[in-house]
Amino acid sequence: MQIELSPEDIQALIEYARRKFLEERWPLSPELRSIRAALGKMEPKPEPLPAPKPYVPSTLAMRKKRR
């Protein structure tokens, strides 16, 4: 049996589950691991962060260094 859900339905289920996890007395209980794993599969992956820029001292710091 396969269920066809729209992206809006999936997002609503994810938000509902997150609210319930916040209300849960023991959110890290072993019984909830399978539900967390299923949510991880349903949720879209976030975009990776851009690479950090290399450090370049400011011109003011360079002037102070020359003194």
Protein backbone atom coordinates (compact mmCIF):
# COMPACT_ATOMS: atom_id res chain seq x y z
CA MET A 1 0.00 0.00 0.00
CA GLN A 2 1.45 3.34 -1.05
CA ILE A 3 0.05 6.66 0.08
CA GLU A 4 0.28 9.68 -2.19
CA LEU A 5 0.73 12.88 -0.18
CA SER A 6 1.08 16.39 -1.47
CA PRO A 7 4.09 18.46 -0.30
CA GLU A 8 1.71 20.52 1.85
CA ASP A 9 0.42 17.36 3.57
CA ILE A 10 3.94 16.16 4.25
CA GLN A 11 4.93 19.54 5.69
CA ALA A 12 1.84 19.57 7.91
CA LEU A 13 2.68 16.10 9.27
CA ILE A 14 6.28 17.10 9.94
CA GLU A 15 5.22 20.26 11.80
CA TYR A 16 2.66 18.31 13.84
CA ALA A 17 5.22 15.69 14.82
CA ARG A 18 7.75 18.36 15.83
CA ARG A 19 5.17 20.07 18.04
CA LYS A 20 4.37 16.74 19.68
CA PHE A 21 8.08 16.04 20.26
CA LEU A 22 8.42 19.40 22.00
CA GLU A 23 5.50 18.52 24.29
CA GLU A 24 6.80 15.00 24.97
CA ARG A 25 8.03 14.36 28.49
CA TRP A 26 10.88 12.12 27.31
CA PRO A 27 11.60 13.21 23.71
CA LEU A 28 14.70 11.00 23.41
CA SER A 29 12.97 7.79 24.48
CA PRO A 30 13.79 4.65 22.48
CA GLU A 31 10.17 4.28 21.35
CA LEU A 32 10.42 7.51 19.37
CA ARG A 33 13.60 6.62 17.46
CA SER A 34 11.73 5.01 14.59
CA ILE A 35 9.44 8.02 14.28
CA ARG A 36 12.42 10.38 14.22
CA ALA A 37 14.05 8.26 11.52
CA ALA A 38 10.89 8.34 9.42
CA LEU A 39 10.67 12.13 9.82
CA GLY A 40 14.27 12.43 8.70
CA LYS A 41 13.42 10.58 5.49
CA MET A 42 10.36 12.73 4.80
CA GLU A 43 12.05 16.04 5.43
CA PRO A 44 13.97 17.74 2.63
CA LYS A 45 17.69 18.09 3.28
CA PRO A 46 18.85 21.64 4.06
CA GLU A 47 21.25 23.31 1.66
CA PRO A 48 24.89 23.11 2.79
CA LEU A 49 26.41 26.28 4.17
CA PRO A 50 28.82 28.19 1.94
CA ALA A 51 32.52 27.77 2.59
CA PRO A 52 33.93 30.25 5.09
CA LYS A 53 35.85 33.18 3.69
CA PRO A 54 39.58 33.26 4.44
CA TYR A 55 40.70 35.72 7.07
CA VAL A 56 42.13 38.96 5.69
CA PRO A 57 43.26 41.60 8.18
CA SER A 58 41.72 45.01 7.76
CA THR A 59 43.76 47.89 6.40
CA LEU A 60 43.51 49.60 9.80
CA ALA A 61 45.09 46.56 11.50
CA MET A 62 47.85 46.50 8.88
CA ARG A 63 48.61 50.19 9.55
CA LYS A 64 48.82 49.60 13.29
CA LYS A 65 51.12 46.65 12.72
CA ARG A 66 53.58 48.78 10.72
CA ARG A 67 54.05 51.29 13.54
